[in-house]
Amino acid sequence: MHNRLALSAALFEPLRAGGKPCLIGCAALMALGCLAPGAPASSAAPPERLSVAAASGTLAVWSRRASQPRGVVVLVHGRTWSARTAFDFEPHAGSRSLLKALAAAGFTSYAVDLPGYGQTPRDPSGWLAPHQAVEDVEAVLRFAAARHAGLPPPVLFGWSRGSKIAALAATRARVPIGALVLYGFTLDPAAAPPNGPAAGQAPAVANTVAAARSDFISPEVASPTLIQDFVEAALANDPVRVDVCCDAEFLAVQPEAIRVPTLLIQGTRDPGIKPDVAAAFFAHLGAADRRFILIGRGDHAAHLEDTGPGFTAALVEFVRASLERHR
């Protein structure tokens, strides 16, 4: 598996300010030896469930271990769906598990259920603010680093809202991070925050089929069967929508303060991305090693769809290269 996921480094040269994003097509990456979409799952065993103590309470964390880990990745899910739905998805067509792919490439992974998601209880207030989520992620980073004391600091990976949480954690820099991956990063400092302050009792409404289907934009990379499998998994793992608030706290994200190797990765058809905003954020990153990769035909769920092999290959190559600087 290690060799099959290896890529020509020339495709992923770090970009400097003013550079153009690298556009990666799934077909091109498959020609380099990526797993074909829908490859059979290597094991039906569920991931290991761990409990991590944090200031907000006890967090459920899901892990898949590499047999001889060369590094560690901590993953943070997005607005609506918890860790197993986002990162350990197993449709009937075959595994789309990012945790399994990372483990096969030699990286032990830890995916957190933030409060209210998956198997982590809701906060007593019913609300989840960015500062609380960041503190919880920092607790998981410490936990993972302590378990792998001989390895480089964990790579922090965030998807969608999780990417904003990850960027805020990297801005704060209170816990060592080996590298940063911002996937589907939609923060626009000039736009009104989508979620305002916590107000009254959190509504805790039921999640819906429409919400579970909403990230699948490109029909040619996601079959109806795959989408239906995702809907069933999403609603089973997260029947109640978590109430997030206080998005103005994300305005504390400062790209100039982020100095670890950083990958900005997104689908070309992700409707939430503003290209000019993403380019400006990338240009102002404080990291000398930074990469901006677009997944051709990909949308907001590029890692779950037929574009997944290209996404995974780009991710693995970046993680591998970034951690080499710690050797």
Protein backbone atom coordinates (compact mmCIF):
# COMPACT_ATOMS: atom_id res chain seq x y z
CA MET A 1 0.00 0.00 0.00
CA HIS A 2 2.83 2.37 0.82
CA ASN A 3 4.23 2.19 -2.71
CA ARG A 4 0.84 2.37 -4.37
CA LEU A 5 0.11 5.67 -2.67
CA ALA A 6 3.48 7.21 -3.48
CA LEU A 7 3.34 10.12 -5.94
CA SER A 8 5.74 12.02 -8.09
CA ALA A 9 6.85 14.87 -5.85
CA ALA A 10 6.95 17.18 -8.85
CA LEU A 11 3.15 17.29 -8.88
CA PHE A 12 3.06 18.75 -5.40
CA GLU A 13 5.74 21.42 -5.24
CA PRO A 14 5.06 23.88 -2.39
CA LEU A 15 3.50 27.11 -3.65
CA ARG A 16 4.64 30.56 -2.62
CA ALA A 17 2.58 33.76 -2.48
CA GLY A 18 1.33 34.57 -5.94
CA GLY A 19 1.58 30.96 -7.13
CA LYS A 20 -1.33 29.09 -8.67
CA PRO A 21 -3.08 26.13 -7.05
CA CYS A 22 -2.07 22.69 -8.28
CA LEU A 23 -5.03 21.03 -10.02
CA ILE A 24 -5.12 17.26 -9.52
CA GLY A 25 -7.47 15.07 -11.51
CA CYS A 26 -8.55 11.74 -10.05
CA ALA A 27 -7.76 9.90 -13.29
CA ALA A 28 -4.21 11.23 -13.34
CA LEU A 29 -3.65 10.17 -9.75
CA MET A 30 -5.12 6.73 -10.37
CA ALA A 31 -2.59 6.32 -13.19
CA LEU A 32 0.11 6.88 -10.58
CA GLY A 33 -1.15 3.89 -8.59
CA CYS A 34 -3.87 5.14 -6.24
CA LEU A 35 -6.51 2.77 -5.01
CA ALA A 36 -9.46 2.58 -7.36
CA PRO A 37 -12.69 3.98 -5.94
CA GLY A 38 -14.78 1.38 -4.22
CA ALA A 39 -11.82 -0.81 -3.30
CA PRO A 40 -12.91 -3.51 -0.85
CA ALA A 41 -12.50 -2.78 2.81
CA SER A 42 -9.38 -4.42 4.23
CA SER A 43 -11.15 -5.25 7.49
CA ALA A 44 -14.68 -5.15 8.80
CA ALA A 45 -13.44 -4.41 12.30
CA PRO A 46 -14.59 -1.05 13.69
CA PRO A 47 -12.02 1.54 14.73
CA GLU A 48 -10.76 1.58 18.28
CA ARG A 49 -12.90 3.76 20.56
CA LEU A 50 -10.95 5.84 23.06
CA SER A 51 -11.93 8.32 25.76
CA VAL A 52 -10.02 11.59 26.10
CA ALA A 53 -10.43 13.94 29.06
CA ALA A 54 -10.92 17.59 28.08
CA ALA A 55 -12.07 20.74 29.82
CA SER A 56 -15.58 20.24 28.40
CA GLY A 57 -15.81 16.62 29.57
CA THR A 58 -14.90 13.24 28.10
CA LEU A 59 -14.54 13.06 24.33
CA ALA A 60 -15.06 9.97 22.18
CA VAL A 61 -12.09 9.51 19.84
CA TRP A 62 -11.83 6.91 17.09
CA SER A 63 -8.49 5.47 16.07
CA ARG A 64 -7.01 3.15 13.47
CA ARG A 65 -3.40 2.22 14.09
CA ALA A 66 -0.62 1.71 11.59
CA SER A 67 1.39 -1.46 12.23
CA GLN A 68 4.63 0.55 12.36
CA PRO A 69 3.52 4.20 12.55
CA ARG A 70 5.75 6.83 11.04
CA GLY A 71 3.44 9.63 12.13
CA VAL A 72 0.11 10.60 13.67
CA VAL A 73 -2.88 12.48 12.25
CA VAL A 74 -5.67 14.06 14.33
CA LEU A 75 -8.88 14.65 12.34
CA VAL A 76 -11.67 17.14 13.09
CA HIS A 77 -15.08 16.74 11.46
CA GLY A 78 -17.35 19.46 10.11
CA ARG A 79 -20.58 21.20 11.08
CA THR A 80 -23.07 18.36 10.92
CA TRP A 81 -21.56 14.86 10.92
CA SER A 82 -19.36 13.16 13.49
CA ALA A 83 -16.01 11.41 13.13
CA ARG A 84 -17.06 7.94 11.96
CA THR A 85 -19.47 9.27 9.32
CA ALA A 86 -16.92 11.78 8.04
CA PHE A 87 -13.74 9.73 8.20
CA ASP A 88 -14.59 6.01 8.50
CA PHE A 89 -17.39 5.65 5.97
CA GLU A 90 -18.01 2.09 4.74
CA PRO A 91 -20.63 2.03 1.95
CA HIS A 92 -21.72 -1.18 0.23
CA ALA A 93 -19.51 -0.33 -2.77
CA GLY A 94 -16.35 -0.61 -0.65
CA SER A 95 -14.42 1.33 1.94
CA ARG A 96 -14.17 5.12 1.74
CA SER A 97 -12.49 5.25 5.15
CA LEU A 98 -9.82 7.94 5.39
CA LEU A 99 -8.73 6.41 8.72
CA LYS A 100 -7.99 3.09 6.99
CA ALA A 101 -6.15 4.79 4.14
CA LEU A 102 -3.94 6.70 6.57
CA ALA A 103 -3.20 3.56 8.58
CA ALA A 104 -2.29 1.68 5.40
CA ALA A 105 0.13 4.50 4.51
CA GLY A 106 1.82 4.26 7.91
CA PHE A 107 0.00 6.95 9.91
CA THR A 108 -2.02 6.23 13.05
CA SER A 109 -5.15 8.38 13.08
CA TYR A 110 -7.35 9.85 15.81
CA ALA A 111 -10.73 11.30 14.82
CA VAL A 112 -12.59 13.21 17.52
CA ASP A 113 -16.34 13.45 18.16
CA LEU A 114 -16.74 17.03 19.38
CA PRO A 115 -19.41 17.65 22.08
CA GLY A 116 -22.85 16.64 20.84
CA TYR A 117 -21.53 14.60 17.93
CA GLY A 118 -21.42 10.82 17.63
CA GLN A 119 -20.73 9.31 21.05
CA THR A 120 -19.63 12.48 22.86
CA PRO A 121 -22.39 14.00 25.03
CA ARG A 122 -23.69 17.48 24.30
CA ASP A 123 -22.41 20.34 26.38
CA PRO A 124 -24.84 21.07 29.26
CA SER A 125 -25.56 24.46 27.69
CA GLY A 126 -26.55 22.78 24.43
CA TRP A 127 -24.22 25.07 22.47
CA LEU A 128 -20.78 24.52 20.96
CA ALA A 129 -18.59 27.57 20.41
CA PRO A 130 -15.29 27.63 18.47
CA HIS A 131 -13.14 28.29 21.55
CA GLN A 132 -14.52 25.20 23.26
CA ALA A 133 -14.02 23.06 20.15
CA VAL A 134 -10.42 24.29 19.84
CA GLU A 135 -9.69 23.45 23.48
CA ASP A 136 -11.10 19.95 22.91
CA VAL A 137 -8.96 19.48 19.80
CA GLU A 138 -5.90 20.62 21.74
CA ALA A 139 -6.68 17.95 24.36
CA VAL A 140 -6.76 15.29 21.63
CA LEU A 141 -3.47 16.58 20.19
CA ARG A 142 -1.85 16.25 23.63
CA PHE A 143 -3.32 12.77 24.06
CA ALA A 144 -2.07 11.59 20.66
CA ALA A 145 1.38 13.10 21.19
CA ALA A 146 1.72 11.40 24.59
CA ARG A 147 0.82 8.02 23.05
CA HIS A 148 3.50 8.44 20.38
CA ALA A 149 6.27 10.21 22.22
CA GLY A 150 8.97 9.05 19.81
CA LEU A 151 7.21 10.43 16.71
CA PRO A 152 6.89 13.98 15.33
CA PRO A 153 4.02 16.14 16.66
CA PRO A 154 0.63 15.14 15.22
CA VAL A 155 -0.58 16.49 11.90
CA LEU A 156 -3.87 18.36 12.41
CA PHE A 157 -6.53 17.81 9.72
CA GLY A 158 -9.83 19.72 9.64
CA TRP A 159 -12.74 19.40 7.19
CA SER A 160 -15.25 22.20 6.58
CA ARG A 161 -16.08 23.81 9.94
CA GLY A 162 -13.40 21.54 11.37
CA SER A 163 -10.86 23.28 9.13
CA LYS A 164 -11.68 26.61 10.79
CA ILE A 165 -11.28 24.98 14.20
CA ALA A 166 -7.94 23.55 13.08
CA ALA A 167 -6.79 26.93 11.73
CA LEU A 168 -7.70 28.57 15.03
CA ALA A 169 -5.73 25.92 16.93
CA ALA A 170 -2.73 26.53 14.66
CA THR A 171 -3.05 30.30 15.16
CA ARG A 172 -3.07 29.86 18.95
CA ALA A 173 -0.10 27.46 18.74
CA ARG A 174 -0.54 26.31 22.34
CA VAL A 175 0.07 22.66 21.43
CA PRO A 176 2.77 21.42 19.02
CA ILE A 177 1.47 20.58 15.54
CA GLY A 178 3.60 18.79 12.97
CA ALA A 179 1.65 20.08 9.95
CA LEU A 180 -1.79 21.46 9.13
CA VAL A 181 -4.37 20.33 6.55
CA LEU A 182 -7.31 22.66 5.83
CA TYR A 183 -9.90 20.87 3.70
CA GLY A 184 -12.97 22.70 2.42
CA PHE A 185 -11.84 25.85 4.28
CA THR A 186 -14.56 28.50 3.89
CA LEU A 187 -13.63 31.24 6.35
CA ASP A 188 -14.31 34.69 4.87
CA PRO A 189 -13.30 37.45 7.32
CA ALA A 190 -15.33 40.02 5.37
CA ALA A 191 -18.60 38.07 5.56
CA ALA A 192 -21.08 38.11 8.43
CA PRO A 193 -20.50 35.10 10.72
CA PRO A 194 -23.01 32.35 9.81
CA ASN A 195 -23.81 31.53 13.44
CA GLY A 196 -24.30 34.27 16.01
CA PRO A 197 -24.03 34.20 19.80
CA ALA A 198 -25.74 31.51 21.84
CA ALA A 199 -29.31 32.66 22.48
CA GLY A 200 -31.61 30.91 24.90
CA GLN A 201 -32.13 27.18 24.90
CA ALA A 202 -30.46 25.28 22.06
CA PRO A 203 -33.20 23.89 19.78
CA ALA A 204 -31.62 20.43 19.20
CA VAL A 205 -33.68 19.68 16.10
CA ALA A 206 -33.51 16.39 14.23
CA ASN A 207 -31.05 15.99 11.37
CA THR A 208 -32.63 15.40 7.97
CA VAL A 209 -32.11 13.37 4.81
CA ALA A 210 -31.73 16.62 2.87
CA ALA A 211 -28.89 17.72 5.16
CA ALA A 212 -27.15 14.37 4.74
CA ARG A 213 -27.36 14.62 0.94
CA SER A 214 -26.38 18.27 0.70
CA ASP A 215 -22.59 17.87 0.34
CA PHE A 216 -22.84 15.62 -2.73
CA ILE A 217 -22.89 18.15 -5.55
CA SER A 218 -21.33 16.32 -8.52
CA PRO A 219 -23.49 13.37 -9.64
CA GLU A 220 -20.76 11.84 -11.82
CA VAL A 221 -18.53 11.16 -8.79
CA ALA A 222 -21.18 9.89 -6.36
CA SER A 223 -23.68 7.17 -7.22
CA PRO A 224 -27.21 7.22 -5.78
CA THR A 225 -26.34 4.06 -3.83
CA LEU A 226 -23.29 5.67 -2.22
CA ILE A 227 -25.32 8.76 -1.27
CA GLN A 228 -28.06 6.61 0.24
CA ASP A 229 -25.50 4.66 2.26
CA PHE A 230 -24.09 7.96 3.53
CA VAL A 231 -27.56 9.23 4.48
CA GLU A 232 -28.24 6.10 6.53
CA ALA A 233 -24.86 6.25 8.30
CA ALA A 234 -25.13 9.98 8.97
CA LEU A 235 -28.60 9.85 10.50
CA ALA A 236 -27.74 6.76 12.57
CA ASN A 237 -24.62 8.37 14.04
CA ASP A 238 -26.02 11.90 14.43
CA PRO A 239 -29.82 11.89 14.70
CA VAL A 240 -29.86 15.32 16.38
CA ARG A 241 -28.27 18.42 14.89
CA VAL A 242 -25.64 20.03 17.12
CA ASP A 243 -26.20 23.72 17.86
CA VAL A 244 -23.08 25.74 17.09
CA CYS A 245 -22.67 29.40 17.92
CA CYS A 246 -20.31 32.33 18.22
CA ASP A 247 -18.66 32.14 14.79
CA ALA A 248 -17.19 35.62 15.33
CA GLU A 249 -14.53 33.77 17.36
CA PHE A 250 -13.15 32.42 14.07
CA LEU A 251 -12.05 35.94 13.19
CA ALA A 252 -9.11 35.31 15.52
CA VAL A 253 -7.64 33.04 12.82
CA GLN A 254 -4.49 34.73 11.53
CA PRO A 255 -2.77 33.11 8.53
CA GLU A 256 0.44 35.02 9.27
CA ALA A 257 0.65 33.24 12.64
CA ILE A 258 0.42 29.75 11.09
CA ARG A 259 4.04 28.67 10.64
CA VAL A 260 3.80 24.88 10.35
CA PRO A 261 3.68 23.19 6.90
CA THR A 262 0.17 23.77 5.58
CA LEU A 263 -1.95 22.13 2.90
CA LEU A 264 -5.03 23.93 1.62
CA ILE A 265 -7.08 21.37 -0.32
CA GLN A 266 -10.54 21.63 -1.85
CA GLY A 267 -12.74 20.34 -4.64
CA THR A 268 -13.07 22.47 -7.75
CA ARG A 269 -16.88 22.20 -7.47
CA ASP A 270 -17.20 22.98 -3.78
CA PRO A 271 -19.93 25.66 -3.74
CA GLY A 272 -18.84 27.04 -0.36
CA ILE A 273 -15.38 28.10 -1.56
CA LYS A 274 -14.68 31.69 -2.63
CA PRO A 275 -11.56 31.37 -4.80
CA ASP A 276 -10.31 34.91 -4.18
CA VAL A 277 -10.72 34.54 -0.41
CA ALA A 278 -8.96 31.17 -0.39
CA ALA A 279 -6.10 32.54 -2.50
CA ALA A 280 -5.66 35.53 -0.19
CA PHE A 281 -5.57 33.31 2.88
CA PHE A 282 -3.00 31.06 1.22
CA ALA A 283 -0.84 34.02 0.17
CA HIS A 284 -0.68 35.33 3.74
CA LEU A 285 0.21 32.06 5.44
CA GLY A 286 3.30 32.33 7.63
CA ALA A 287 4.39 28.82 6.67
CA ALA A 288 7.29 28.61 4.23
CA ASP A 289 6.13 25.11 3.22
CA ARG A 290 2.58 25.53 1.93
CA ARG A 291 0.59 23.84 -0.78
CA PHE A 292 -2.72 24.62 -2.46
CA ILE A 293 -4.28 21.65 -4.23
CA LEU A 294 -7.56 21.50 -6.12
CA ILE A 295 -9.24 18.13 -6.66
CA GLY A 296 -10.64 18.05 -10.18
CA ARG A 297 -14.40 17.32 -10.31
CA GLY A 298 -14.41 17.21 -6.51
CA ASP A 299 -17.00 18.96 -4.35
CA HIS A 300 -17.32 19.45 -0.59
CA ALA A 301 -17.19 15.68 0.02
CA ALA A 302 -14.32 14.91 -2.38
CA HIS A 303 -12.71 12.41 0.00
CA LEU A 304 -15.89 10.28 0.12
CA GLU A 305 -16.65 10.17 -3.60
CA ASP A 306 -14.92 8.70 -6.65
CA THR A 307 -12.42 11.55 -6.32
CA GLY A 308 -11.31 10.00 -3.02
CA PRO A 309 -8.18 8.24 -4.37
CA GLY A 310 -6.78 11.53 -5.67
CA PHE A 311 -7.61 13.29 -2.45
CA THR A 312 -6.01 10.58 -0.32
CA ALA A 313 -2.89 10.40 -2.44
CA ALA A 314 -2.37 14.17 -2.17
CA LEU A 315 -2.94 14.07 1.58
CA VAL A 316 -0.59 11.15 2.20
CA GLU A 317 2.20 12.66 0.11
CA PHE A 318 1.93 15.98 1.96
CA VAL A 319 1.90 14.34 5.40
CA ARG A 320 4.85 12.14 4.51
CA ALA A 321 6.90 15.06 3.16
CA SER A 322 6.00 17.41 6.01
CA LEU A 323 7.02 14.98 8.72
CA GLU A 324 10.39 14.34 7.07
CA ARG A 325 11.58 17.70 8.39
CA HIS A 326 11.33 16.27 11.93
CA ARG A 327 13.64 13.34 11.17
